[in-house]
Amino acid sequence: GRRVLLCLGAREMPRSARLIGGSRPRGVIN
């Protein structure tokens, strides 16, 4: 592109980035 505009947005942090302990069952989502 002659110029490029980046609009990639953002995302919510996953469990791993929040340092939450315990087991790893299904049902943990953002």
mmCIF file of all heavy atoms, coordinates in Angstrom:
data_MODEL
# 
_entry.id   MODEL 
# 
loop_
_atom_site.group_PDB 
_atom_site.id 
_atom_site.type_symbol 
_atom_site.label_atom_id 
_atom_site.label_alt_id 
_atom_site.label_comp_id 
_atom_site.label_asym_id 
_atom_site.label_entity_id 
_atom_site.label_seq_id 
_atom_site.pdbx_PDB_ins_code 
_atom_site.Cartn_x 
_atom_site.Cartn_y 
_atom_site.Cartn_z 
_atom_site.occupancy 
_atom_site.B_iso_or_equiv 
_atom_site.pdbx_formal_charge 
_atom_site.auth_seq_id 
_atom_site.auth_comp_id 
_atom_site.auth_asym_id 
_atom_site.auth_atom_id 
_atom_site.pdbx_PDB_model_num 
ATOM 1   N N   . GLY A 1 1  ? 0.816   -1.195  0.000  1.00 0.00 ? 1  GLY A N   1 
ATOM 2   C CA  . GLY A 1 1  ? 0.000   0.000   0.000  1.00 0.00 ? 1  GLY A CA  1 
ATOM 3   C C   . GLY A 1 1  ? 0.850   1.246   0.000  1.00 0.00 ? 1  GLY A C   1 
ATOM 4   O O   . GLY A 1 1  ? 1.928   1.267   0.614  1.00 0.00 ? 1  GLY A O   1 
ATOM 5   N N   . ARG A 1 2  ? 0.368   2.274   -0.708 1.00 0.00 ? 2  ARG A N   1 
ATOM 6   C CA  . ARG A 1 2  ? 1.084   3.557   -0.589 1.00 0.00 ? 2  ARG A CA  1 
ATOM 7   C C   . ARG A 1 2  ? 1.173   3.951   0.872  1.00 0.00 ? 2  ARG A C   1 
ATOM 8   O O   . ARG A 1 2  ? 2.192   4.454   1.334  1.00 0.00 ? 2  ARG A O   1 
ATOM 9   C CB  . ARG A 1 2  ? 0.341   4.648   -1.371 1.00 0.00 ? 2  ARG A CB  1 
ATOM 10  C CG  . ARG A 1 2  ? 0.471   4.573   -2.873 1.00 0.00 ? 2  ARG A CG  1 
ATOM 11  C CD  . ARG A 1 2  ? -0.014  5.873   -3.499 1.00 0.00 ? 2  ARG A CD  1 
ATOM 12  N NE  . ARG A 1 2  ? -1.439  6.085   -3.257 1.00 0.00 ? 2  ARG A NE  1 
ATOM 13  C CZ  . ARG A 1 2  ? -2.060  7.252   -3.458 1.00 0.00 ? 2  ARG A CZ  1 
ATOM 14  N NH1 . ARG A 1 2  ? -1.371  8.305   -3.861 1.00 0.00 ? 2  ARG A NH1 1 
ATOM 15  N NH2 . ARG A 1 2  ? -3.358  7.366   -3.243 1.00 0.00 ? 2  ARG A NH2 1 
ATOM 16  N N   . ARG A 1 3  ? 0.084   3.718   1.588  1.00 0.00 ? 3  ARG A N   1 
ATOM 17  C CA  . ARG A 1 3  ? 0.056   3.838   3.043  1.00 0.00 ? 3  ARG A CA  1 
ATOM 18  C C   . ARG A 1 3  ? -0.775  2.669   3.565  1.00 0.00 ? 3  ARG A C   1 
ATOM 19  O O   . ARG A 1 3  ? -1.693  2.197   2.894  1.00 0.00 ? 3  ARG A O   1 
ATOM 20  C CB  . ARG A 1 3  ? -0.558  5.166   3.495  1.00 0.00 ? 3  ARG A CB  1 
ATOM 21  C CG  . ARG A 1 3  ? 0.224   6.398   3.070  1.00 0.00 ? 3  ARG A CG  1 
ATOM 22  C CD  . ARG A 1 3  ? 1.597   6.456   3.729  1.00 0.00 ? 3  ARG A CD  1 
ATOM 23  N NE  . ARG A 1 3  ? 2.330   7.650   3.323  1.00 0.00 ? 3  ARG A NE  1 
ATOM 24  C CZ  . ARG A 1 3  ? 3.149   7.699   2.267  1.00 0.00 ? 3  ARG A CZ  1 
ATOM 25  N NH1 . ARG A 1 3  ? 3.315   6.616   1.490  1.00 0.00 ? 3  ARG A NH1 1 
ATOM 26  N NH2 . ARG A 1 3  ? 3.780   8.817   1.981  1.00 0.00 ? 3  ARG A NH2 1 
ATOM 27  N N   . VAL A 1 4  ? -0.459  2.230   4.772  1.00 0.00 ? 4  VAL A N   1 
ATOM 28  C CA  . VAL A 1 4  ? -1.173  1.115   5.400  1.00 0.00 ? 4  VAL A CA  1 
ATOM 29  C C   . VAL A 1 4  ? -1.718  1.598   6.729  1.00 0.00 ? 4  VAL A C   1 
ATOM 30  O O   . VAL A 1 4  ? -0.975  2.149   7.557  1.00 0.00 ? 4  VAL A O   1 
ATOM 31  C CB  . VAL A 1 4  ? -0.245  -0.094  5.626  1.00 0.00 ? 4  VAL A CB  1 
ATOM 32  C CG1 . VAL A 1 4  ? -0.988  -1.209  6.364  1.00 0.00 ? 4  VAL A CG1 1 
ATOM 33  C CG2 . VAL A 1 4  ? 0.312   -0.603  4.299  1.00 0.00 ? 4  VAL A CG2 1 
ATOM 34  N N   . LEU A 1 5  ? -3.018  1.413   6.929  1.00 0.00 ? 5  LEU A N   1 
ATOM 35  C CA  . LEU A 1 5  ? -3.641  1.759   8.207  1.00 0.00 ? 5  LEU A CA  1 
ATOM 36  C C   . LEU A 1 5  ? -3.931  0.470   8.964  1.00 0.00 ? 5  LEU A C   1 
ATOM 37  O O   . LEU A 1 5  ? -4.683  -0.385  8.493  1.00 0.00 ? 5  LEU A O   1 
ATOM 38  C CB  . LEU A 1 5  ? -4.945  2.538   7.978  1.00 0.00 ? 5  LEU A CB  1 
ATOM 39  C CG  . LEU A 1 5  ? -5.733  2.893   9.240  1.00 0.00 ? 5  LEU A CG  1 
ATOM 40  C CD1 . LEU A 1 5  ? -4.898  3.756   10.190 1.00 0.00 ? 5  LEU A CD1 1 
ATOM 41  C CD2 . LEU A 1 5  ? -7.024  3.614   8.884  1.00 0.00 ? 5  LEU A CD2 1 
ATOM 42  N N   . LEU A 1 6  ? -3.325  0.340   10.140 1.00 0.00 ? 6  LEU A N   1 
ATOM 43  C CA  . LEU A 1 6  ? -3.482  -0.851  10.968 1.00 0.00 ? 6  LEU A CA  1 
ATOM 44  C C   . LEU A 1 6  ? -4.638  -0.653  11.946 1.00 0.00 ? 6  LEU A C   1 
ATOM 45  O O   . LEU A 1 6  ? -4.594  0.246   12.790 1.00 0.00 ? 6  LEU A O   1 
ATOM 46  C CB  . LEU A 1 6  ? -2.188  -1.131  11.736 1.00 0.00 ? 6  LEU A CB  1 
ATOM 47  C CG  . LEU A 1 6  ? -0.937  -1.340  10.874 1.00 0.00 ? 6  LEU A CG  1 
ATOM 48  C CD1 . LEU A 1 6  ? 0.298   -1.444  11.755 1.00 0.00 ? 6  LEU A CD1 1 
ATOM 49  C CD2 . LEU A 1 6  ? -1.088  -2.591  9.992  1.00 0.00 ? 6  LEU A CD2 1 
ATOM 50  N N   . CYS A 1 7  ? -5.654  -1.493  11.835 1.00 0.00 ? 7  CYS A N   1 
ATOM 51  C CA  . CYS A 1 7  ? -6.836  -1.443  12.723 1.00 0.00 ? 7  CYS A CA  1 
ATOM 52  C C   . CYS A 1 7  ? -7.111  -2.858  13.219 1.00 0.00 ? 7  CYS A C   1 
ATOM 53  O O   . CYS A 1 7  ? -8.186  -3.413  12.990 1.00 0.00 ? 7  CYS A O   1 
ATOM 54  C CB  . CYS A 1 7  ? -8.043  -0.884  11.977 1.00 0.00 ? 7  CYS A CB  1 
ATOM 55  S SG  . CYS A 1 7  ? -7.830  0.785   11.333 1.00 0.00 ? 7  CYS A SG  1 
ATOM 56  N N   . LEU A 1 8  ? -6.145  -3.428  13.903 1.00 0.00 ? 8  LEU A N   1 
ATOM 57  C CA  . LEU A 1 8  ? -6.205  -4.832  14.286 1.00 0.00 ? 8  LEU A CA  1 
ATOM 58  C C   . LEU A 1 8  ? -7.020  -5.088  15.540 1.00 0.00 ? 8  LEU A C   1 
ATOM 59  O O   . LEU A 1 8  ? -7.327  -6.236  15.863 1.00 0.00 ? 8  LEU A O   1 
ATOM 60  C CB  . LEU A 1 8  ? -4.774  -5.372  14.471 1.00 0.00 ? 8  LEU A CB  1 
ATOM 61  C CG  . LEU A 1 8  ? -3.918  -5.371  13.203 1.00 0.00 ? 8  LEU A CG  1 
ATOM 62  C CD1 . LEU A 1 8  ? -2.463  -5.609  13.545 1.00 0.00 ? 8  LEU A CD1 1 
ATOM 63  C CD2 . LEU A 1 8  ? -4.416  -6.428  12.239 1.00 0.00 ? 8  LEU A CD2 1 
ATOM 64  N N   . GLY A 1 9  ? -7.348  -4.033  16.289 1.00 0.00 ? 9  GLY A N   1 
ATOM 65  C CA  . GLY A 1 9  ? -8.192  -4.195  17.458 1.00 0.00 ? 9  GLY A CA  1 
ATOM 66  C C   . GLY A 1 9  ? -7.467  -4.756  18.665 1.00 0.00 ? 9  GLY A C   1 
ATOM 67  O O   . GLY A 1 9  ? -6.239  -4.735  18.756 1.00 0.00 ? 9  GLY A O   1 
ATOM 68  N N   . ALA A 1 10 ? -8.249  -5.265  19.615 1.00 0.00 ? 10 ALA A N   1 
ATOM 69  C CA  . ALA A 1 10 ? -7.723  -5.789  20.873 1.00 0.00 ? 10 ALA A CA  1 
ATOM 70  C C   . ALA A 1 10 ? -8.446  -7.074  21.231 1.00 0.00 ? 10 ALA A C   1 
ATOM 71  O O   . ALA A 1 10 ? -9.466  -7.422  20.642 1.00 0.00 ? 10 ALA A O   1 
ATOM 72  C CB  . ALA A 1 10 ? -7.897  -4.752  21.991 1.00 0.00 ? 10 ALA A CB  1 
ATOM 73  N N   . ARG A 1 11 ? -7.912  -7.779  22.212 1.00 0.00 ? 11 ARG A N   1 
ATOM 74  C CA  . ARG A 1 11 ? -8.534  -9.014  22.696 1.00 0.00 ? 11 ARG A CA  1 
ATOM 75  C C   . ARG A 1 11 ? -8.441  -9.061  24.216 1.00 0.00 ? 11 ARG A C   1 
ATOM 76  O O   . ARG A 1 11 ? -7.591  -8.407  24.822 1.00 0.00 ? 11 ARG A O   1 
ATOM 77  C CB  . ARG A 1 11 ? -7.848  -10.244 22.096 1.00 0.00 ? 11 ARG A CB  1 
ATOM 78  C CG  . ARG A 1 11 ? -6.356  -10.291 22.390 1.00 0.00 ? 11 ARG A CG  1 
ATOM 79  C CD  . ARG A 1 11 ? -5.691  -11.501 21.765 1.00 0.00 ? 11 ARG A CD  1 
ATOM 80  N NE  . ARG A 1 11 ? -4.244  -11.427 21.882 1.00 0.00 ? 11 ARG A NE  1 
ATOM 81  C CZ  . ARG A 1 11 ? -3.559  -11.760 22.962 1.00 0.00 ? 11 ARG A CZ  1 
ATOM 82  N NH1 . ARG A 1 11 ? -4.191  -12.194 24.042 1.00 0.00 ? 11 ARG A NH1 1 
ATOM 83  N NH2 . ARG A 1 11 ? -2.243  -11.659 22.989 1.00 0.00 ? 11 ARG A NH2 1 
ATOM 84  N N   . GLU A 1 12 ? -9.313  -9.866  24.821 1.00 0.00 ? 12 GLU A N   1 
ATOM 85  C CA  . GLU A 1 12 ? -9.271  -10.047 26.263 1.00 0.00 ? 12 GLU A CA  1 
ATOM 86  C C   . GLU A 1 12 ? -8.169  -11.030 26.645 1.00 0.00 ? 12 GLU A C   1 
ATOM 87  O O   . GLU A 1 12 ? -7.905  -11.995 25.921 1.00 0.00 ? 12 GLU A O   1 
ATOM 88  C CB  . GLU A 1 12 ? -10.614 -10.556 26.776 1.00 0.00 ? 12 GLU A CB  1 
ATOM 89  C CG  . GLU A 1 12 ? -11.711 -9.515  26.702 1.00 0.00 ? 12 GLU A CG  1 
ATOM 90  C CD  . GLU A 1 12 ? -13.072 -10.109 27.005 1.00 0.00 ? 12 GLU A CD  1 
ATOM 91  O OE1 . GLU A 1 12 ? -13.554 -10.919 26.196 1.00 0.00 ? 12 GLU A OE1 1 
ATOM 92  O OE2 . GLU A 1 12 ? -13.650 -9.750  28.044 1.00 0.00 ? 12 GLU A OE2 1 
ATOM 93  N N   . MET A 1 13 ? -7.536  -10.782 27.790 1.00 0.00 ? 13 MET A N   1 
ATOM 94  C CA  . MET A 1 13 ? -6.475  -11.672 28.247 1.00 0.00 ? 13 MET A CA  1 
ATOM 95  C C   . MET A 1 13 ? -7.041  -13.037 28.616 1.00 0.00 ? 13 MET A C   1 
ATOM 96  O O   . MET A 1 13 ? -8.083  -13.131 29.251 1.00 0.00 ? 13 MET A O   1 
ATOM 97  C CB  . MET A 1 13 ? -5.753  -11.080 29.449 1.00 0.00 ? 13 MET A CB  1 
ATOM 98  C CG  . MET A 1 13 ? -4.865  -9.904  29.145 1.00 0.00 ? 13 MET A CG  1 
ATOM 99  S SD  . MET A 1 13 ? -3.775  -9.485  30.520 1.00 0.00 ? 13 MET A SD  1 
ATOM 100 C CE  . MET A 1 13 ? -4.956  -9.129  31.827 1.00 0.00 ? 13 MET A CE  1 
ATOM 101 N N   . PRO A 1 14 ? -6.347  -14.117 28.262 1.00 0.00 ? 14 PRO A N   1 
ATOM 102 C CA  . PRO A 1 14 ? -6.803  -15.457 28.637 1.00 0.00 ? 14 PRO A CA  1 
ATOM 103 C C   . PRO A 1 14 ? -6.481  -15.758 30.100 1.00 0.00 ? 14 PRO A C   1 
ATOM 104 O O   . PRO A 1 14 ? -5.811  -14.981 30.786 1.00 0.00 ? 14 PRO A O   1 
ATOM 105 C CB  . PRO A 1 14 ? -5.990  -16.361 27.701 1.00 0.00 ? 14 PRO A CB  1 
ATOM 106 C CG  . PRO A 1 14 ? -4.709  -15.598 27.490 1.00 0.00 ? 14 PRO A CG  1 
ATOM 107 C CD  . PRO A 1 14 ? -5.120  -14.139 27.450 1.00 0.00 ? 14 PRO A CD  1 
ATOM 108 N N   . ARG A 1 15 ? -6.931  -16.911 30.550 1.00 0.00 ? 15 ARG A N   1 
ATOM 109 C CA  . ARG A 1 15 ? -6.675  -17.321 31.939 1.00 0.00 ? 15 ARG A CA  1 
ATOM 110 C C   . ARG A 1 15 ? -5.187  -17.352 32.253 1.00 0.00 ? 15 ARG A C   1 
ATOM 111 O O   . ARG A 1 15 ? -4.765  -16.943 33.331 1.00 0.00 ? 15 ARG A O   1 
ATOM 112 C CB  . ARG A 1 15 ? -7.293  -18.707 32.166 1.00 0.00 ? 15 ARG A CB  1 
ATOM 113 C CG  . ARG A 1 15 ? -6.910  -19.299 33.512 1.00 0.00 ? 15 ARG A CG  1 
ATOM 114 C CD  . ARG A 1 15 ? -7.494  -20.676 33.730 1.00 0.00 ? 15 ARG A CD  1 
ATOM 115 N NE  . ARG A 1 15 ? -7.007  -21.253 34.963 1.00 0.00 ? 15 ARG A NE  1 
ATOM 116 C CZ  . ARG A 1 15 ? -7.499  -22.334 35.526 1.00 0.00 ? 15 ARG A CZ  1 
ATOM 117 N NH1 . ARG A 1 15 ? -8.495  -22.977 34.947 1.00 0.00 ? 15 ARG A NH1 1 
ATOM 118 N NH2 . ARG A 1 15 ? -7.004  -22.799 36.659 1.00 0.00 ? 15 ARG A NH2 1 
ATOM 119 N N   . SER A 1 16 ? -4.373  -17.843 31.321 1.00 0.00 ? 16 SER A N   1 
ATOM 120 C CA  . SER A 1 16 ? -2.940  -17.993 31.579 1.00 0.00 ? 16 SER A CA  1 
ATOM 121 C C   . SER A 1 16 ? -2.282  -16.665 31.932 1.00 0.00 ? 16 SER A C   1 
ATOM 122 O O   . SER A 1 16 ? -1.377  -16.607 32.764 1.00 0.00 ? 16 SER A O   1 
ATOM 123 C CB  . SER A 1 16 ? -2.249  -18.610 30.360 1.00 0.00 ? 16 SER A CB  1 
ATOM 124 O OG  . SER A 1 16 ? -2.479  -17.815 29.199 1.00 0.00 ? 16 SER A OG  1 
ATOM 125 N N   . ALA A 1 17 ? -2.745  -15.573 31.298 1.00 0.00 ? 17 ALA A N   1 
ATOM 126 C CA  . ALA A 1 17 ? -2.160  -14.257 31.556 1.00 0.00 ? 17 ALA A CA  1 
ATOM 127 C C   . ALA A 1 17 ? -2.654  -13.655 32.868 1.00 0.00 ? 17 ALA A C   1 
ATOM 128 O O   . ALA A 1 17 ? -2.066  -12.703 33.376 1.00 0.00 ? 17 ALA A O   1 
ATOM 129 C CB  . ALA A 1 17 ? -2.477  -13.314 30.407 1.00 0.00 ? 17 ALA A CB  1 
ATOM 130 N N   . ARG A 1 18 ? -3.723  -14.210 33.448 1.00 0.00 ? 18 ARG A N   1 
ATOM 131 C CA  . ARG A 1 18 ? -4.295  -13.681 34.688 1.00 0.00 ? 18 ARG A CA  1 
ATOM 132 C C   . ARG A 1 18 ? -3.779  -14.421 35.923 1.00 0.00 ? 18 ARG A C   1 
ATOM 133 O O   . ARG A 1 18 ? -4.133  -14.072 37.045 1.00 0.00 ? 18 ARG A O   1 
ATOM 134 C CB  . ARG A 1 18 ? -5.821  -13.763 34.631 1.00 0.00 ? 18 ARG A CB  1 
ATOM 135 C CG  . ARG A 1 18 ? -6.439  -12.946 33.501 1.00 0.00 ? 18 ARG A CG  1 
ATOM 136 C CD  . ARG A 1 18 ? -7.923  -13.228 33.385 1.00 0.00 ? 18 ARG A CD  1 
ATOM 137 N NE  . ARG A 1 18 ? -8.510  -12.658 32.197 1.00 0.00 ? 18 ARG A NE  1 
ATOM 138 C CZ  . ARG A 1 18 ? -9.300  -11.584 32.175 1.00 0.00 ? 18 ARG A CZ  1 
ATOM 139 N NH1 . ARG A 1 18 ? -9.577  -10.957 33.285 1.00 0.00 ? 18 ARG A NH1 1 
ATOM 140 N NH2 . ARG A 1 18 ? -9.814  -11.143 31.043 1.00 0.00 ? 18 ARG A NH2 1 
ATOM 141 N N   . LEU A 1 19 ? -2.975  -15.471 35.706 1.00 0.00 ? 19 LEU A N   1 
ATOM 142 C CA  . LEU A 1 19 ? -2.333  -16.208 36.807 1.00 0.00 ? 19 LEU A CA  1 
ATOM 143 C C   . LEU A 1 19 ? -3.366  -16.758 37.794 1.00 0.00 ? 19 LEU A C   1 
ATOM 144 O O   . LEU A 1 19 ? -3.237  -16.617 39.009 1.00 0.00 ? 19 LEU A O   1 
ATOM 145 C CB  . LEU A 1 19 ? -1.320  -15.319 37.530 1.00 0.00 ? 19 LEU A CB  1 
ATOM 146 C CG  . LEU A 1 19 ? -0.229  -14.680 36.654 1.00 0.00 ? 19 LEU A CG  1 
ATOM 147 C CD1 . LEU A 1 19 ? 0.678   -13.800 37.482 1.00 0.00 ? 19 LEU A CD1 1 
ATOM 148 C CD2 . LEU A 1 19 ? 0.564   -15.747 35.926 1.00 0.00 ? 19 LEU A CD2 1 
ATOM 149 N N   . ILE A 1 20 ? -4.401  -17.404 37.261 1.00 0.00 ? 20 ILE A N   1 
ATOM 150 C CA  . ILE A 1 20 ? -5.435  -18.025 38.085 1.00 0.00 ? 20 ILE A CA  1 
ATOM 151 C C   . ILE A 1 20 ? -5.081  -19.492 38.298 1.00 0.00 ? 20 ILE A C   1 
ATOM 152 O O   . ILE A 1 20 ? -4.826  -20.231 37.340 1.00 0.00 ? 20 ILE A O   1 
ATOM 153 C CB  . ILE A 1 20 ? -6.818  -17.907 37.413 1.00 0.00 ? 20 ILE A CB  1 
ATOM 154 C CG1 . ILE A 1 20 ? -7.193  -16.426 37.236 1.00 0.00 ? 20 ILE A CG1 1 
ATOM 155 C CG2 . ILE A 1 20 ? -7.886  -18.622 38.239 1.00 0.00 ? 20 ILE A CG2 1 
ATOM 156 C CD1 . ILE A 1 20 ? -8.407  -16.214 36.367 1.00 0.00 ? 20 ILE A CD1 1 
ATOM 157 N N   . GLY A 1 21 ? -5.055  -19.937 39.542 1.00 0.00 ? 21 GLY A N   1 
ATOM 158 C CA  . GLY A 1 21 ? -4.671  -21.300 39.860 1.00 0.00 ? 21 GLY A CA  1 
ATOM 159 C C   . GLY A 1 21 ? -5.821  -22.283 39.719 1.00 0.00 ? 21 GLY A C   1 
ATOM 160 O O   . GLY A 1 21 ? -6.928  -21.937 39.316 1.00 0.00 ? 21 GLY A O   1 
ATOM 161 N N   . GLY A 1 22 ? -5.547  -23.542 40.109 1.00 0.00 ? 22 GLY A N   1 
ATOM 162 C CA  . GLY A 1 22 ? -6.561  -24.577 40.091 1.00 0.00 ? 22 GLY A CA  1 
ATOM 163 C C   . GLY A 1 22 ? -6.440  -25.511 38.909 1.00 0.00 ? 22 GLY A C   1 
ATOM 164 O O   . GLY A 1 22 ? -5.432  -25.510 38.191 1.00 0.00 ? 22 GLY A O   1 
ATOM 165 N N   . SER A 1 23 ? -7.471  -26.323 38.701 1.00 0.00 ? 23 SER A N   1 
ATOM 166 C CA  . SER A 1 23 ? -7.475  -27.294 37.608 1.00 0.00 ? 23 SER A CA  1 
ATOM 167 C C   . SER A 1 23 ? -7.856  -26.618 36.291 1.00 0.00 ? 23 SER A C   1 
ATOM 168 O O   . SER A 1 23 ? -8.128  -25.420 36.243 1.00 0.00 ? 23 SER A O   1 
ATOM 169 C CB  . SER A 1 23 ? -8.450  -28.439 37.929 1.00 0.00 ? 23 SER A CB  1 
ATOM 170 O OG  . SER A 1 23 ? -9.738  -27.924 38.210 1.00 0.00 ? 23 SER A OG  1 
ATOM 171 N N   . ARG A 1 24 ? -7.876  -27.408 35.212 1.00 0.00 ? 24 ARG A N   1 
ATOM 172 C CA  . ARG A 1 24 ? -8.099  -26.872 33.865 1.00 0.00 ? 24 ARG A CA  1 
ATOM 173 C C   . ARG A 1 24 ? -9.341  -27.472 33.206 1.00 0.00 ? 24 ARG A C   1 
ATOM 174 O O   . ARG A 1 24 ? -9.266  -28.078 32.138 1.00 0.00 ? 24 ARG A O   1 
ATOM 175 C CB  . ARG A 1 24 ? -6.869  -27.146 32.987 1.00 0.00 ? 24 ARG A CB  1 
ATOM 176 C CG  . ARG A 1 24 ? -5.577  -26.580 33.537 1.00 0.00 ? 24 ARG A CG  1 
ATOM 177 C CD  . ARG A 1 24 ? -5.471  -25.111 33.283 1.00 0.00 ? 24 ARG A CD  1 
ATOM 178 N NE  . ARG A 1 24 ? -4.339  -24.513 33.993 1.00 0.00 ? 24 ARG A NE  1 
ATOM 179 C CZ  . ARG A 1 24 ? -3.995  -23.248 33.922 1.00 0.00 ? 24 ARG A CZ  1 
ATOM 180 N NH1 . ARG A 1 24 ? -4.718  -22.426 33.160 1.00 0.00 ? 24 ARG A NH1 1 
ATOM 181 N NH2 . ARG A 1 24 ? -2.978  -22.769 34.594 1.00 0.00 ? 24 ARG A NH2 1 
ATOM 182 N N   . PRO A 1 25 ? -10.504 -27.314 33.819 1.00 0.00 ? 25 PRO A N   1 
ATOM 183 C CA  . PRO A 1 25 ? -11.714 -27.895 33.243 1.00 0.00 ? 25 PRO A CA  1 
ATOM 184 C C   . PRO A 1 25 ? -12.269 -27.051 32.101 1.00 0.00 ? 25 PRO A C   1 
ATOM 185 O O   . PRO A 1 25 ? -11.881 -25.895 31.910 1.00 0.00 ? 25 PRO A O   1 
ATOM 186 C CB  . PRO A 1 25 ? -12.681 -27.909 34.426 1.00 0.00 ? 25 PRO A CB  1 
ATOM 187 C CG  . PRO A 1 25 ? -12.267 -26.709 35.225 1.00 0.00 ? 25 PRO A CG  1 
ATOM 188 C CD  . PRO A 1 25 ? -10.767 -26.635 35.096 1.00 0.00 ? 25 PRO A CD  1 
ATOM 189 N N   . ARG A 1 26 ? -13.222 -27.618 31.372 1.00 0.00 ? 26 ARG A N   1 
ATOM 190 C CA  . ARG A 1 26 ? -13.939 -26.858 30.349 1.00 0.00 ? 26 ARG A CA  1 
ATOM 191 C C   . ARG A 1 26 ? -14.882 -25.859 31.000 1.00 0.00 ? 26 ARG A C   1 
ATOM 192 O O   . ARG A 1 26 ? -15.331 -26.045 32.125 1.00 0.00 ? 26 ARG A O   1 
ATOM 193 C CB  . ARG A 1 26 ? -14.740 -27.800 29.453 1.00 0.00 ? 26 ARG A CB  1 
ATOM 194 C CG  . ARG A 1 26 ? -13.908 -28.663 28.537 1.00 0.00 ? 26 ARG A CG  1 
ATOM 195 C CD  . ARG A 1 26 ? -14.780 -29.494 27.618 1.00 0.00 ? 26 ARG A CD  1 
ATOM 196 N NE  . ARG A 1 26 ? -15.591 -30.449 28.368 1.00 0.00 ? 26 ARG A NE  1 
ATOM 197 C CZ  . ARG A 1 26 ? -16.896 -30.387 28.477 1.00 0.00 ? 26 ARG A CZ  1 
ATOM 198 N NH1 . ARG A 1 26 ? -17.572 -29.377 27.909 1.00 0.00 ? 26 ARG A NH1 1 
ATOM 199 N NH2 . ARG A 1 26 ? -17.566 -31.297 29.164 1.00 0.00 ? 26 ARG A NH2 1 
ATOM 200 N N   . GLY A 1 27 ? -15.197 -24.784 30.272 1.00 0.00 ? 27 GLY A N   1 
ATOM 201 C CA  . GLY A 1 27 ? -16.149 -23.795 30.776 1.00 0.00 ? 27 GLY A CA  1 
ATOM 202 C C   . GLY A 1 27 ? -15.524 -22.483 31.196 1.00 0.00 ? 27 GLY A C   1 
ATOM 203 O O   . GLY A 1 27 ? -16.215 -21.611 31.719 1.00 0.00 ? 27 GLY A O   1 
ATOM 204 N N   . VAL A 1 28 ? -14.210 -22.313 30.965 1.00 0.00 ? 28 VAL A N   1 
ATOM 205 C CA  . VAL A 1 28 ? -13.539 -21.045 31.272 1.00 0.00 ? 28 VAL A CA  1 
ATOM 206 C C   . VAL A 1 28 ? -13.350 -20.303 29.950 1.00 0.00 ? 28 VAL A C   1 
ATOM 207 O O   . VAL A 1 28 ? -12.539 -20.706 29.109 1.00 0.00 ? 28 VAL A O   1 
ATOM 208 C CB  . VAL A 1 28 ? -12.181 -21.269 31.959 1.00 0.00 ? 28 VAL A CB  1 
ATOM 209 C CG1 . VAL A 1 28 ? -11.527 -19.929 32.306 1.00 0.00 ? 28 VAL A CG1 1 
ATOM 210 C CG2 . VAL A 1 28 ? -12.348 -22.118 33.214 1.00 0.00 ? 28 VAL A CG2 1 
ATOM 211 N N   . ILE A 1 29 ? -14.104 -19.220 29.742 1.00 0.00 ? 29 ILE A N   1 
ATOM 212 C CA  . ILE A 1 29 ? -14.059 -18.503 28.470 1.00 0.00 ? 29 ILE A CA  1 
ATOM 213 C C   . ILE A 1 29 ? -14.077 -16.998 28.730 1.00 0.00 ? 29 ILE A C   1 
ATOM 214 O O   . ILE A 1 29 ? -14.322 -16.550 29.848 1.00 0.00 ? 29 ILE A O   1 
ATOM 215 C CB  . ILE A 1 29 ? -15.236 -18.887 27.554 1.00 0.00 ? 29 ILE A CB  1 
ATOM 216 C CG1 . ILE A 1 29 ? -16.576 -18.490 28.196 1.00 0.00 ? 29 ILE A CG1 1 
ATOM 217 C CG2 . ILE A 1 29 ? -15.223 -20.383 27.233 1.00 0.00 ? 29 ILE A CG2 1 
ATOM 218 C CD1 . ILE A 1 29 ? -17.774 -18.702 27.281 1.00 0.00 ? 29 ILE A CD1 1 
ATOM 219 N N   . ASN A 1 30 ? -13.839 -16.228 27.671 1.00 0.00 ? 30 ASN A N   1 
ATOM 220 C CA  . ASN A 1 30 ? -13.934 -14.766 27.787 1.00 0.00 ? 30 ASN A CA  1 
ATOM 221 C C   . ASN A 1 30 ? -15.208 -14.270 27.112 1.00 0.00 ? 30 ASN A C   1 
ATOM 222 O O   . ASN A 1 30 ? -15.976 -15.044 26.534 1.00 0.00 ? 30 ASN A O   1 
ATOM 223 C CB  . ASN A 1 30 ? -12.685 -14.082 27.213 1.00 0.00 ? 30 ASN A CB  1 
ATOM 224 C CG  . ASN A 1 30 ? -12.465 -14.386 25.745 1.00 0.00 ? 30 ASN A CG  1 
ATOM 225 O OD1 . ASN A 1 30 ? -13.392 -14.667 25.003 1.00 0.00 ? 30 ASN A OD1 1 
ATOM 226 N ND2 . ASN A 1 30 ? -11.215 -14.317 25.314 1.00 0.00 ? 30 ASN A ND2 1 
# 
